[in-house]
């Protein structure tokens, strides 16, 4: 039996070594893009000096412009899990033409380059994605999650994060303009960041604010976030964190500047400003799986599904019906959605 344990420890060791190597090379994608060693995302027609050609369904008269940034299981700007698609479709139905909803930006690539795009390992990612489509819980999808988690770390890094976040912000801005966002309108931009998309939302917020001179609001669904300087430009952060979702806590642990002992960090100053509202959608809501924020099977004590509760909270925030989530107990609110 000893050889079994030796083999297991050997494989774990190899896996850890490969992860560390991947972590070392994770910032290179942003650095290559910034250096101009890749053309992806730098095409002349994607410059923002002039408004790009509008898409057929562009709506410059909408009241709300919302960008959804998926979690670390994301593969490209064209792929979302079925439960995410259902959530976004229902959110759009709640507002009709009053809302423009954008979900075509892959948040874990500086130039919106999908994993099966212009990449050396395109074939491997195609194979993994095929297995992901067949079974979202297939063990090989861990490779996607691990790769994207490293890009979340890059986004939160004070050295490489600005390069990465600027590139992603550029893609989001381009998509907003394509969908009809009036560039000089100053209309509020709402970012919905799920899981690792929460950090990307914070990272790109200052660039979107500076480019459009518009308020940027973030709705984080189980978001993991660093102490990002982007907090300075965020109008308000609504953290939707399930009772059994421990992933947002990882950001509080692995990013030391989020610790309370550093009172002058970006996060702690932002928190003291009263621009953070934490909402618990239910004590049994997990981060991912059969009973996550988009679950139709998970139920609250009143019978409402977790999907319906998340949809209700996000709809309330977008429409400005947030008073019921304010407890009035200090500058950083934390309440349980009823």
C-alpha atoms as a PDB file:
ATOM      1  CA  UNK A   1       0.000   0.000   0.000  1.00  0.00           C
ATOM      2  CA  UNK A   2       2.960   2.286   0.518  1.00  0.00           C
ATOM      3  CA  UNK A   3       3.474   2.745  -3.223  1.00  0.00           C
ATOM      4  CA  UNK A   4      -0.073   4.108  -3.522  1.00  0.00           C
ATOM      5  CA  UNK A   5       0.567   6.850  -0.998  1.00  0.00           C
ATOM      6  CA  UNK A   6       3.956   7.580  -2.563  1.00  0.00           C
ATOM      7  CA  UNK A   7       2.302   7.930  -5.963  1.00  0.00           C
ATOM      8  CA  UNK A   8      -0.371  10.224  -4.569  1.00  0.00           C
ATOM      9  CA  UNK A   9       2.164  12.480  -2.859  1.00  0.00           C
ATOM     10  CA  UNK A  10       4.300  12.477  -5.996  1.00  0.00           C
ATOM     11  CA  UNK A  11       1.366  13.583  -8.144  1.00  0.00           C
ATOM     12  CA  UNK A  12       0.399  16.245  -5.618  1.00  0.00           C
ATOM     13  CA  UNK A  13       3.956  17.501  -5.592  1.00  0.00           C
ATOM     14  CA  UNK A  14       4.090  17.647  -9.374  1.00  0.00           C
ATOM     15  CA  UNK A  15       0.738  19.444  -9.431  1.00  0.00           C
ATOM     16  CA  UNK A  16       1.940  22.010  -6.892  1.00  0.00           C
ATOM     17  CA  UNK A  17       5.152  22.556  -8.832  1.00  0.00           C
ATOM     18  CA  UNK A  18       3.240  23.088 -12.088  1.00  0.00           C
ATOM     19  CA  UNK A  19       0.894  25.532 -10.332  1.00  0.00           C
ATOM     20  CA  UNK A  20       3.843  27.530  -9.012  1.00  0.00           C
ATOM     21  CA  UNK A  21       5.409  27.611 -12.468  1.00  0.00           C
ATOM     22  CA  UNK A  22       2.088  28.722 -13.960  1.00  0.00           C
ATOM     23  CA  UNK A  23       1.851  31.408 -11.297  1.00  0.00           C
ATOM     24  CA  UNK A  24       5.301  32.683 -12.224  1.00  0.00           C
ATOM     25  CA  UNK A  25       4.280  33.051 -15.882  1.00  0.00           C
ATOM     26  CA  UNK A  26       0.743  34.361 -15.181  1.00  0.00           C
ATOM     27  CA  UNK A  27       1.670  38.070 -15.547  1.00  0.00           C
ATOM     28  CA  UNK A  28       3.388  37.466 -18.901  1.00  0.00           C
ATOM     29  CA  UNK A  29       0.114  37.668 -20.845  1.00  0.00           C
ATOM     30  CA  UNK A  30      -0.463  41.245 -19.680  1.00  0.00           C
ATOM     31  CA  UNK A  31       3.175  42.157 -20.197  1.00  0.00           C
ATOM     32  CA  UNK A  32       3.209  40.755 -23.753  1.00  0.00           C
ATOM     33  CA  UNK A  33       0.036  42.681 -24.554  1.00  0.00           C
ATOM     34  CA  UNK A  34       1.424  45.915 -23.137  1.00  0.00           C
ATOM     35  CA  UNK A  35       4.687  45.462 -25.015  1.00  0.00           C
ATOM     36  CA  UNK A  36       2.806  44.994 -28.281  1.00  0.00           C
ATOM     37  CA  UNK A  37       4.019  41.413 -28.805  1.00  0.00           C
ATOM     38  CA  UNK A  38       0.457  40.332 -29.578  1.00  0.00           C
ATOM     39  CA  UNK A  39      -2.037  42.044 -31.853  1.00  0.00           C
ATOM     40  CA  UNK A  40      -5.089  40.677 -30.061  1.00  0.00           C
ATOM     41  CA  UNK A  41      -7.118  43.561 -28.659  1.00  0.00           C
ATOM     42  CA  UNK A  42      -4.853  46.187 -30.245  1.00  0.00           C
ATOM     43  CA  UNK A  43      -6.420  46.316 -33.706  1.00  0.00           C
ATOM     44  CA  UNK A  44      -6.766  49.922 -35.037  1.00  0.00           C
ATOM     45  CA  UNK A  45     -10.538  49.569 -35.378  1.00  0.00           C
ATOM     46  CA  UNK A  46     -10.782  48.986 -31.625  1.00  0.00           C
ATOM     47  CA  UNK A  47      -9.399  52.402 -30.716  1.00  0.00           C
ATOM     48  CA  UNK A  48     -11.727  54.420 -28.506  1.00  0.00           C
ATOM     49  CA  UNK A  49     -10.937  57.851 -29.945  1.00  0.00           C
ATOM     50  CA  UNK A  50     -14.080  57.545 -32.061  1.00  0.00           C
ATOM     51  CA  UNK A  51     -17.288  55.722 -31.273  1.00  0.00           C
ATOM     52  CA  UNK A  52     -17.166  52.238 -32.843  1.00  0.00           C
ATOM     53  CA  UNK A  53     -19.853  50.984 -35.159  1.00  0.00           C
ATOM     54  CA  UNK A  54     -22.995  50.179 -33.213  1.00  0.00           C
ATOM     55  CA  UNK A  55     -24.316  46.643 -32.983  1.00  0.00           C
ATOM     56  CA  UNK A  56     -27.774  45.946 -34.482  1.00  0.00           C
ATOM     57  CA  UNK A  57     -29.370  45.790 -31.018  1.00  0.00           C
ATOM     58  CA  UNK A  58     -27.567  48.865 -29.639  1.00  0.00           C
ATOM     59  CA  UNK A  59     -29.703  51.048 -27.389  1.00  0.00           C
ATOM     60  CA  UNK A  60     -28.375  54.568 -26.676  1.00  0.00           C
ATOM     61  CA  UNK A  61     -31.605  55.492 -24.857  1.00  0.00           C
ATOM     62  CA  UNK A  62     -31.459  52.912 -22.073  1.00  0.00           C
ATOM     63  CA  UNK A  63     -31.638  53.959 -18.436  1.00  0.00           C
ATOM     64  CA  UNK A  64     -29.231  51.313 -17.148  1.00  0.00           C
ATOM     65  CA  UNK A  65     -25.985  49.943 -18.582  1.00  0.00           C
ATOM     66  CA  UNK A  66     -24.897  46.735 -16.893  1.00  0.00           C
ATOM     67  CA  UNK A  67     -21.798  44.622 -17.538  1.00  0.00           C
ATOM     68  CA  UNK A  68     -21.641  41.035 -16.268  1.00  0.00           C
ATOM     69  CA  UNK A  69     -18.185  39.576 -15.553  1.00  0.00           C
ATOM     70  CA  UNK A  70     -18.267  35.840 -15.004  1.00  0.00           C
ATOM     71  CA  UNK A  71     -16.359  33.756 -12.451  1.00  0.00           C
ATOM     72  CA  UNK A  72     -13.163  31.743 -12.761  1.00  0.00           C
ATOM     73  CA  UNK A  73     -14.975  28.915 -14.532  1.00  0.00           C
ATOM     74  CA  UNK A  74     -15.370  31.185 -17.568  1.00  0.00           C
ATOM     75  CA  UNK A  75     -13.857  30.160 -20.896  1.00  0.00           C
ATOM     76  CA  UNK A  76     -14.525  33.060 -23.261  1.00  0.00           C
ATOM     77  CA  UNK A  77     -16.731  36.073 -23.837  1.00  0.00           C
ATOM     78  CA  UNK A  78     -19.111  33.849 -25.789  1.00  0.00           C
ATOM     79  CA  UNK A  79     -19.534  31.135 -23.158  1.00  0.00           C
ATOM     80  CA  UNK A  80     -21.512  31.252 -19.929  1.00  0.00           C
ATOM     81  CA  UNK A  81     -22.937  28.445 -17.829  1.00  0.00           C
ATOM     82  CA  UNK A  82     -26.628  27.716 -18.446  1.00  0.00           C
ATOM     83  CA  UNK A  83     -27.606  28.975 -14.988  1.00  0.00           C
ATOM     84  CA  UNK A  84     -25.812  32.290 -15.619  1.00  0.00           C
ATOM     85  CA  UNK A  85     -27.586  32.675 -18.966  1.00  0.00           C
ATOM     86  CA  UNK A  86     -30.941  32.088 -17.311  1.00  0.00           C
ATOM     87  CA  UNK A  87     -30.158  34.648 -14.614  1.00  0.00           C
ATOM     88  CA  UNK A  88     -29.129  37.304 -17.147  1.00  0.00           C
ATOM     89  CA  UNK A  89     -32.117  36.608 -19.397  1.00  0.00           C
ATOM     90  CA  UNK A  90     -34.504  37.031 -16.498  1.00  0.00           C
ATOM     91  CA  UNK A  91     -32.719  40.186 -15.328  1.00  0.00           C
ATOM     92  CA  UNK A  92     -33.101  41.656 -18.798  1.00  0.00           C
ATOM     93  CA  UNK A  93     -36.800  40.748 -18.822  1.00  0.00           C
ATOM     94  CA  UNK A  94     -37.295  42.658 -15.567  1.00  0.00           C
ATOM     95  CA  UNK A  95     -36.258  45.911 -17.257  1.00  0.00           C
ATOM     96  CA  UNK A  96     -36.966  45.417 -20.940  1.00  0.00           C
ATOM     97  CA  UNK A  97     -35.528  48.134 -23.180  1.00  0.00           C
ATOM     98  CA  UNK A  98     -34.631  50.253 -20.165  1.00  0.00           C
ATOM     99  CA  UNK A  99     -31.559  48.075 -19.580  1.00  0.00           C
ATOM    100  CA  UNK A 100     -28.569  47.187 -21.751  1.00  0.00           C
ATOM    101  CA  UNK A 101     -26.884  44.020 -20.506  1.00  0.00           C
ATOM    102  CA  UNK A 102     -23.364  43.183 -21.697  1.00  0.00           C
ATOM    103  CA  UNK A 103     -21.721  39.815 -21.098  1.00  0.00           C
ATOM    104  CA  UNK A 104     -19.395  39.406 -24.087  1.00  0.00           C
ATOM    105  CA  UNK A 105     -16.118  40.335 -22.364  1.00  0.00           C
ATOM    106  CA  UNK A 106     -13.875  37.562 -21.019  1.00  0.00           C
ATOM    107  CA  UNK A 107     -12.604  39.135 -17.785  1.00  0.00           C
ATOM    108  CA  UNK A 108      -9.541  36.906 -17.388  1.00  0.00           C
ATOM    109  CA  UNK A 109      -7.734  37.923 -20.584  1.00  0.00           C
ATOM    110  CA  UNK A 110      -6.217  41.350 -21.072  1.00  0.00           C
ATOM    111  CA  UNK A 111      -7.330  41.590 -24.718  1.00  0.00           C
ATOM    112  CA  UNK A 112     -10.585  39.603 -24.491  1.00  0.00           C
ATOM    113  CA  UNK A 113      -8.652  36.650 -25.918  1.00  0.00           C
ATOM    114  CA  UNK A 114     -10.612  33.432 -25.211  1.00  0.00           C
ATOM    115  CA  UNK A 115      -8.777  30.385 -23.920  1.00  0.00           C
ATOM    116  CA  UNK A 116      -9.130  28.759 -27.330  1.00  0.00           C
ATOM    117  CA  UNK A 117      -8.049  31.930 -29.130  1.00  0.00           C
ATOM    118  CA  UNK A 118      -4.550  32.966 -30.191  1.00  0.00           C
ATOM    119  CA  UNK A 119      -2.774  30.732 -27.698  1.00  0.00           C
ATOM    120  CA  UNK A 120      -0.038  28.123 -27.763  1.00  0.00           C
ATOM    121  CA  UNK A 121      -2.228  25.651 -25.836  1.00  0.00           C
ATOM    122  CA  UNK A 122      -5.383  26.234 -27.874  1.00  0.00           C
ATOM    123  CA  UNK A 123      -5.812  22.512 -28.555  1.00  0.00           C
ATOM    124  CA  UNK A 124      -5.671  21.641 -24.871  1.00  0.00           C
ATOM    125  CA  UNK A 125      -8.204  24.316 -23.957  1.00  0.00           C
ATOM    126  CA  UNK A 126     -10.558  23.136 -26.709  1.00  0.00           C
ATOM    127  CA  UNK A 127     -10.389  19.630 -25.241  1.00  0.00           C
ATOM    128  CA  UNK A 128     -11.005  20.857 -21.692  1.00  0.00           C
ATOM    129  CA  UNK A 129     -13.888  23.076 -22.822  1.00  0.00           C
ATOM    130  CA  UNK A 130     -15.572  20.172 -24.613  1.00  0.00           C
ATOM    131  CA  UNK A 131     -15.490  18.231 -21.362  1.00  0.00           C
ATOM    132  CA  UNK A 132     -16.739  21.308 -19.480  1.00  0.00           C
ATOM    133  CA  UNK A 133     -19.761  21.589 -21.772  1.00  0.00           C
ATOM    134  CA  UNK A 134     -20.526  17.880 -21.329  1.00  0.00           C
ATOM    135  CA  UNK A 135     -20.142  18.081 -17.544  1.00  0.00           C
ATOM    136  CA  UNK A 136     -19.547  21.380 -15.792  1.00  0.00           C
ATOM    137  CA  UNK A 137     -18.141  19.510 -12.775  1.00  0.00           C
ATOM    138  CA  UNK A 138     -15.627  17.451 -14.800  1.00  0.00           C
ATOM    139  CA  UNK A 139     -12.298  17.290 -13.002  1.00  0.00           C
ATOM    140  CA  UNK A 140     -10.438  18.758 -15.992  1.00  0.00           C
ATOM    141  CA  UNK A 141     -12.334  22.045 -15.626  1.00  0.00           C
ATOM    142  CA  UNK A 142     -10.093  22.606 -12.600  1.00  0.00           C
ATOM    143  CA  UNK A 143      -7.451  23.646 -15.136  1.00  0.00           C
ATOM    144  CA  UNK A 144      -9.679  26.504 -16.294  1.00  0.00           C
ATOM    145  CA  UNK A 145     -10.418  27.564 -12.728  1.00  0.00           C
ATOM    146  CA  UNK A 146      -6.744  27.419 -11.730  1.00  0.00           C
ATOM    147  CA  UNK A 147      -5.636  29.420 -14.768  1.00  0.00           C
ATOM    148  CA  UNK A 148      -8.291  32.099 -14.264  1.00  0.00           C
ATOM    149  CA  UNK A 149      -7.648  32.255 -10.509  1.00  0.00           C
ATOM    150  CA  UNK A 150      -4.041  33.168 -11.285  1.00  0.00           C
ATOM    151  CA  UNK A 151      -5.286  35.982 -13.500  1.00  0.00           C
ATOM    152  CA  UNK A 152      -7.391  37.235 -10.580  1.00  0.00           C
ATOM    153  CA  UNK A 153      -4.176  37.321  -8.558  1.00  0.00           C
ATOM    154  CA  UNK A 154      -2.487  39.267 -11.367  1.00  0.00           C
ATOM    155  CA  UNK A 155      -5.357  41.766 -11.366  1.00  0.00           C
ATOM    156  CA  UNK A 156      -4.897  42.313  -7.637  1.00  0.00           C
ATOM    157  CA  UNK A 157      -1.107  42.635  -7.853  1.00  0.00           C
ATOM    158  CA  UNK A 158       0.180  46.180  -7.430  1.00  0.00           C
ATOM    159  CA  UNK A 159       2.933  45.591 -10.030  1.00  0.00           C
ATOM    160  CA  UNK A 160       1.082  43.903 -12.887  1.00  0.00           C
ATOM    161  CA  UNK A 161      -2.531  44.647 -12.027  1.00  0.00           C
ATOM    162  CA  UNK A 162      -2.663  48.106 -13.671  1.00  0.00           C
ATOM    163  CA  UNK A 163      -1.586  46.640 -17.042  1.00  0.00           C
ATOM    164  CA  UNK A 164      -4.091  43.804 -16.845  1.00  0.00           C
ATOM    165  CA  UNK A 165      -6.950  45.933 -15.584  1.00  0.00           C
ATOM    166  CA  UNK A 166      -6.401  48.650 -18.154  1.00  0.00           C
ATOM    167  CA  UNK A 167      -6.592  46.088 -20.944  1.00  0.00           C
ATOM    168  CA  UNK A 168      -9.804  44.533 -19.633  1.00  0.00           C
ATOM    169  CA  UNK A 169     -11.308  47.990 -19.000  1.00  0.00           C
ATOM    170  CA  UNK A 170     -10.529  48.888 -22.600  1.00  0.00           C
ATOM    171  CA  UNK A 171     -12.482  45.848 -23.807  1.00  0.00           C
ATOM    172  CA  UNK A 172     -15.426  46.654 -21.521  1.00  0.00           C
ATOM    173  CA  UNK A 173     -15.452  50.278 -22.698  1.00  0.00           C
ATOM    174  CA  UNK A 174     -15.382  49.190 -26.336  1.00  0.00           C
ATOM    175  CA  UNK A 175     -18.298  46.811 -25.760  1.00  0.00           C
ATOM    176  CA  UNK A 176     -20.280  49.507 -23.930  1.00  0.00           C
ATOM    177  CA  UNK A 177     -19.879  51.855 -26.869  1.00  0.00           C
ATOM    178  CA  UNK A 178     -20.837  49.122 -29.332  1.00  0.00           C
ATOM    179  CA  UNK A 179     -24.015  48.490 -27.351  1.00  0.00           C
ATOM    180  CA  UNK A 180     -24.991  52.154 -27.481  1.00  0.00           C
ATOM    181  CA  UNK A 181     -23.599  53.684 -24.302  1.00  0.00           C
ATOM    182  CA  UNK A 182     -23.589  57.481 -24.888  1.00  0.00           C
ATOM    183  CA  UNK A 183     -19.950  58.370 -24.283  1.00  0.00           C
ATOM    184  CA  UNK A 184     -20.526  61.863 -22.867  1.00  0.00           C
ATOM    185  CA  UNK A 185     -23.754  61.100 -21.006  1.00  0.00           C
ATOM    186  CA  UNK A 186     -22.282  60.387 -17.578  1.00  0.00           C
ATOM    187  CA  UNK A 187     -24.807  57.578 -17.134  1.00  0.00           C
ATOM    188  CA  UNK A 188     -24.011  55.194 -14.320  1.00  0.00           C
ATOM    189  CA  UNK A 189     -22.247  51.950 -15.247  1.00  0.00           C
ATOM    190  CA  UNK A 190     -23.059  48.891 -13.142  1.00  0.00           C
ATOM    191  CA  UNK A 191     -20.606  46.004 -13.006  1.00  0.00           C
ATOM    192  CA  UNK A 192     -21.842  42.616 -11.789  1.00  0.00           C
ATOM    193  CA  UNK A 193     -18.846  40.491 -10.837  1.00  0.00           C
ATOM    194  CA  UNK A 194     -19.311  36.843  -9.918  1.00  0.00           C
ATOM    195  CA  UNK A 195     -16.525  35.168  -7.930  1.00  0.00           C
ATOM    196  CA  UNK A 196     -13.205  36.274  -9.462  1.00  0.00           C
ATOM    197  CA  UNK A 197     -15.160  38.720 -11.605  1.00  0.00           C
ATOM    198  CA  UNK A 198     -15.519  40.776  -8.418  1.00  0.00           C
ATOM    199  CA  UNK A 199     -11.808  41.610  -8.359  1.00  0.00           C
ATOM    200  CA  UNK A 200     -11.789  42.366 -12.079  1.00  0.00           C
ATOM    201  CA  UNK A 201     -14.733  44.727 -11.543  1.00  0.00           C
ATOM    202  CA  UNK A 202     -12.834  46.702  -8.930  1.00  0.00           C
ATOM    203  CA  UNK A 203      -9.659  46.673 -10.987  1.00  0.00           C
ATOM    204  CA  UNK A 204     -11.272  48.169 -14.105  1.00  0.00           C
ATOM    205  CA  UNK A 205     -13.558  50.648 -12.306  1.00  0.00           C
ATOM    206  CA  UNK A 206     -11.080  53.538 -12.134  1.00  0.00           C
ATOM    207  CA  UNK A 207     -10.337  53.340 -15.861  1.00  0.00           C
ATOM    208  CA  UNK A 208     -14.020  53.248 -16.791  1.00  0.00           C
ATOM    209  CA  UNK A 209     -14.696  56.174 -14.466  1.00  0.00           C
ATOM    210  CA  UNK A 210     -11.874  58.225 -15.961  1.00  0.00           C
ATOM    211  CA  UNK A 211     -12.776  57.384 -19.543  1.00  0.00           C
ATOM    212  CA  UNK A 212     -16.512  58.101 -19.347  1.00  0.00           C
ATOM    213  CA  UNK A 213     -16.558  60.506 -16.385  1.00  0.00           C
ATOM    214  CA  UNK A 214     -19.426  58.424 -15.061  1.00  0.00           C
ATOM    215  CA  UNK A 215     -20.175  56.764 -11.705  1.00  0.00           C
ATOM    216  CA  UNK A 216     -19.302  53.071 -11.523  1.00  0.00           C
ATOM    217  CA  UNK A 217     -21.246  50.830  -9.169  1.00  0.00           C
ATOM    218  CA  UNK A 218     -20.332  47.207  -8.389  1.00  0.00           C
ATOM    219  CA  UNK A 219     -22.584  44.303  -7.465  1.00  0.00           C
ATOM    220  CA  UNK A 220     -20.377  41.466  -6.272  1.00  0.00           C
ATOM    221  CA  UNK A 221     -21.849  37.937  -6.173  1.00  0.00           C
ATOM    222  CA  UNK A 222     -19.521  36.025  -3.888  1.00  0.00           C
ATOM    223  CA  UNK A 223     -16.702  38.216  -5.182  1.00  0.00           C
ATOM    224  CA  UNK A 224     -13.071  37.789  -4.186  1.00  0.00           C
ATOM    225  CA  UNK A 225     -11.338  41.167  -4.033  1.00  0.00           C
ATOM    226  CA  UNK A 226      -7.934  42.601  -3.170  1.00  0.00           C
ATOM    227  CA  UNK A 227      -6.989  45.991  -1.774  1.00  0.00           C
ATOM    228  CA  UNK A 228      -7.248  47.582  -5.202  1.00  0.00           C
ATOM    229  CA  UNK A 229      -6.768  51.319  -5.823  1.00  0.00           C
ATOM    230  CA  UNK A 230      -9.898  51.097  -7.970  1.00  0.00           C
ATOM    231  CA  UNK A 231     -11.977  51.311  -4.803  1.00  0.00           C
ATOM    232  CA  UNK A 232     -11.284  55.040  -4.782  1.00  0.00           C
ATOM    233  CA  UNK A 233     -13.444  55.425  -7.908  1.00  0.00           C
ATOM    234  CA  UNK A 234     -16.256  53.025  -6.978  1.00  0.00           C
ATOM    235  CA  UNK A 235     -19.508  54.806  -6.232  1.00  0.00           C
ATOM    236  CA  UNK A 236     -20.829  51.934  -4.094  1.00  0.00           C
ATOM    237  CA  UNK A 237     -20.070  48.252  -3.599  1.00  0.00           C
ATOM    238  CA  UNK A 238     -22.902  45.824  -2.906  1.00  0.00           C
ATOM    239  CA  UNK A 239     -21.464  42.538  -1.661  1.00  0.00           C
ATOM    240  CA  UNK A 240     -23.928  39.670  -2.010  1.00  0.00           C
ATOM    241  CA  UNK A 241     -22.416  36.869   0.071  1.00  0.00           C
ATOM    242  CA  UNK A 242     -24.225  33.621   0.878  1.00  0.00           C
ATOM    243  CA  UNK A 243     -24.162  32.230   4.386  1.00  0.00           C
ATOM    244  CA  UNK A 244     -22.110  29.194   3.330  1.00  0.00           C
ATOM    245  CA  UNK A 245     -19.890  31.008   0.844  1.00  0.00           C
ATOM    246  CA  UNK A 246     -16.395  31.218   2.301  1.00  0.00           C
ATOM    247  CA  UNK A 247     -14.634  32.241  -0.927  1.00  0.00           C
ATOM    248  CA  UNK A 248     -14.969  36.021  -0.372  1.00  0.00           C
ATOM    249  CA  UNK A 249     -13.092  35.479   2.888  1.00  0.00           C
ATOM    250  CA  UNK A 250     -10.055  34.314   0.940  1.00  0.00           C
ATOM    251  CA  UNK A 251      -9.560  37.841  -0.370  1.00  0.00           C
ATOM    252  CA  UNK A 252      -9.583  39.157   3.171  1.00  0.00           C
ATOM    253  CA  UNK A 253      -6.871  36.651   4.106  1.00  0.00           C
ATOM    254  CA  UNK A 254      -4.479  36.436   1.158  1.00  0.00           C
ATOM    255  CA  UNK A 255      -4.340  40.199   0.540  1.00  0.00           C
ATOM    256  CA  UNK A 256      -2.715  41.610   3.711  1.00  0.00           C
ATOM    257  CA  UNK A 257      -3.729  45.195   2.983  1.00  0.00           C
ATOM    258  CA  UNK A 258      -7.339  44.176   3.526  1.00  0.00           C
ATOM    259  CA  UNK A 259      -6.523  43.301   7.136  1.00  0.00           C
ATOM    260  CA  UNK A 260      -7.986  45.708   9.733  1.00  0.00           C
ATOM    261  CA  UNK A 261      -4.503  46.378  11.125  1.00  0.00           C
ATOM    262  CA  UNK A 262      -3.748  48.512   8.051  1.00  0.00           C
ATOM    263  CA  UNK A 263      -6.357  51.256   8.475  1.00  0.00           C
ATOM    264  CA  UNK A 264      -5.115  53.482   5.641  1.00  0.00           C
ATOM    265  CA  UNK A 265      -5.295  50.838   2.906  1.00  0.00           C
ATOM    266  CA  UNK A 266      -7.569  51.422  -0.076  1.00  0.00           C
ATOM    267  CA  UNK A 267     -10.082  48.864   1.168  1.00  0.00           C
ATOM    268  CA  UNK A 268     -10.267  50.050   4.766  1.00  0.00           C
ATOM    269  CA  UNK A 269     -10.639  53.695   3.760  1.00  0.00           C
ATOM    270  CA  UNK A 270     -13.322  52.716   1.256  1.00  0.00           C
ATOM    271  CA  UNK A 271     -15.138  50.681   3.893  1.00  0.00           C
ATOM    272  CA  UNK A 272     -15.079  53.570   6.386  1.00  0.00           C
ATOM    273  CA  UNK A 273     -16.543  55.871   3.747  1.00  0.00           C
ATOM    274  CA  UNK A 274     -19.889  54.072   4.017  1.00  0.00           C
ATOM    275  CA  UNK A 275     -19.880  52.871   0.419  1.00  0.00           C
ATOM    276  CA  UNK A 276     -20.032  49.145   1.225  1.00  0.00           C
ATOM    277  CA  UNK A 277     -23.254  47.213   1.735  1.00  0.00           C
ATOM    278  CA  UNK A 278     -23.073  43.481   2.446  1.00  0.00           C
ATOM    279  CA  UNK A 279     -26.217  41.459   1.786  1.00  0.00           C
ATOM    280  CA  UNK A 280     -26.795  37.841   2.811  1.00  0.00           C
ATOM    281  CA  UNK A 281     -29.216  36.230   0.315  1.00  0.00           C
ATOM    282  CA  UNK A 282     -29.634  33.156   2.500  1.00  0.00           C
ATOM    283  CA  UNK A 283     -27.773  31.180   5.149  1.00  0.00           C
ATOM    284  CA  UNK A 284     -27.600  28.068   2.942  1.00  0.00           C
ATOM    285  CA  UNK A 285     -26.289  29.703  -0.237  1.00  0.00           C
ATOM    286  CA  UNK A 286     -22.948  28.306  -1.445  1.00  0.00           C
ATOM    287  CA  UNK A 287     -20.398  29.836  -3.791  1.00  0.00           C
ATOM    288  CA  UNK A 288     -20.800  27.317  -6.606  1.00  0.00           C
ATOM    289  CA  UNK A 289     -22.605  24.057  -7.247  1.00  0.00           C
ATOM    290  CA  UNK A 290     -26.169  22.881  -6.890  1.00  0.00           C
ATOM    291  CA  UNK A 291     -27.078  25.489  -4.282  1.00  0.00           C
ATOM    292  CA  UNK A 292     -25.248  28.621  -5.382  1.00  0.00           C
ATOM    293  CA  UNK A 293     -26.532  32.106  -6.220  1.00  0.00           C
ATOM    294  CA  UNK A 294     -28.055  30.888  -9.499  1.00  0.00           C
ATOM    295  CA  UNK A 295     -29.662  27.722  -8.144  1.00  0.00           C
ATOM    296  CA  UNK A 296     -33.295  26.911  -8.867  1.00  0.00           C
ATOM    297  CA  UNK A 297     -33.128  23.891  -6.552  1.00  0.00           C
ATOM    298  CA  UNK A 298     -31.852  25.606  -3.410  1.00  0.00           C
ATOM    299  CA  UNK A 299     -34.700  27.072  -1.362  1.00  0.00           C
ATOM    300  CA  UNK A 300     -35.025  29.667   1.374  1.00  0.00           C
ATOM    301  CA  UNK A 301     -37.317  28.944   4.353  1.00  0.00           C
ATOM    302  CA  UNK A 302     -40.117  30.883   2.598  1.00  0.00           C
ATOM    303  CA  UNK A 303     -39.843  28.636  -0.464  1.00  0.00           C
ATOM    304  CA  UNK A 304     -38.126  31.185  -2.699  1.00  0.00           C
ATOM    305  CA  UNK A 305     -35.306  29.753  -4.828  1.00  0.00           C
ATOM    306  CA  UNK A 306     -31.767  31.062  -4.487  1.00  0.00           C
ATOM    307  CA  UNK A 307     -31.946  32.186  -8.118  1.00  0.00           C
ATOM    308  CA  UNK A 308     -35.095  34.214  -7.435  1.00  0.00           C
ATOM    309  CA  UNK A 309     -33.573  35.816  -4.336  1.00  0.00           C
ATOM    310  CA  UNK A 310     -30.372  36.794  -6.169  1.00  0.00           C
ATOM    311  CA  UNK A 311     -32.450  38.162  -9.034  1.00  0.00           C
ATOM    312  CA  UNK A 312     -34.596  40.163  -6.609  1.00  0.00           C
ATOM    313  CA  UNK A 313     -31.556  41.685  -4.893  1.00  0.00           C
ATOM    314  CA  UNK A 314     -29.774  42.621  -8.122  1.00  0.00           C
ATOM    315  CA  UNK A 315     -32.984  44.058  -9.611  1.00  0.00           C
ATOM    316  CA  UNK A 316     -33.526  46.175  -6.492  1.00  0.00           C
ATOM    317  CA  UNK A 317     -29.975  47.517  -6.590  1.00  0.00           C
ATOM    318  CA  UNK A 318     -30.078  48.434 -10.265  1.00  0.00           C
ATOM    319  CA  UNK A 319     -33.446  50.152  -9.937  1.00  0.00           C
ATOM    320  CA  UNK A 320     -32.362  52.037  -6.796  1.00  0.00           C
ATOM    321  CA  UNK A 321     -34.642  50.219  -4.376  1.00  0.00           C
ATOM    322  CA  UNK A 322     -31.885  49.665  -1.811  1.00  0.00           C
ATOM    323  CA  UNK A 323     -33.317  51.196   1.344  1.00  0.00           C
ATOM    324  CA  UNK A 324     -34.499  47.827   2.641  1.00  0.00           C
ATOM    325  CA  UNK A 325     -30.895  46.568   2.570  1.00  0.00           C
ATOM    326  CA  UNK A 326     -29.622  49.421   4.721  1.00  0.00           C
ATOM    327  CA  UNK A 327     -29.567  48.575   8.407  1.00  0.00           C
ATOM    328  CA  UNK A 328     -28.431  51.999   9.542  1.00  0.00           C
ATOM    329  CA  UNK A 329     -25.914  50.396  11.887  1.00  0.00           C
ATOM    330  CA  UNK A 330     -22.712  52.278  11.098  1.00  0.00           C
ATOM    331  CA  UNK A 331     -20.809  53.205   7.977  1.00  0.00           C
ATOM    332  CA  UNK A 332     -20.417  49.729   6.485  1.00  0.00           C
ATOM    333  CA  UNK A 333     -23.770  48.044   6.263  1.00  0.00           C
ATOM    334  CA  UNK A 334     -24.273  44.297   6.615  1.00  0.00           C
ATOM    335  CA  UNK A 335     -27.788  42.993   6.447  1.00  0.00           C
ATOM    336  CA  UNK A 336     -29.693  39.802   5.732  1.00  0.00           C
ATOM    337  CA  UNK A 337     -32.108  40.005   2.835  1.00  0.00           C
ATOM    338  CA  UNK A 338     -35.640  39.228   3.971  1.00  0.00           C
END
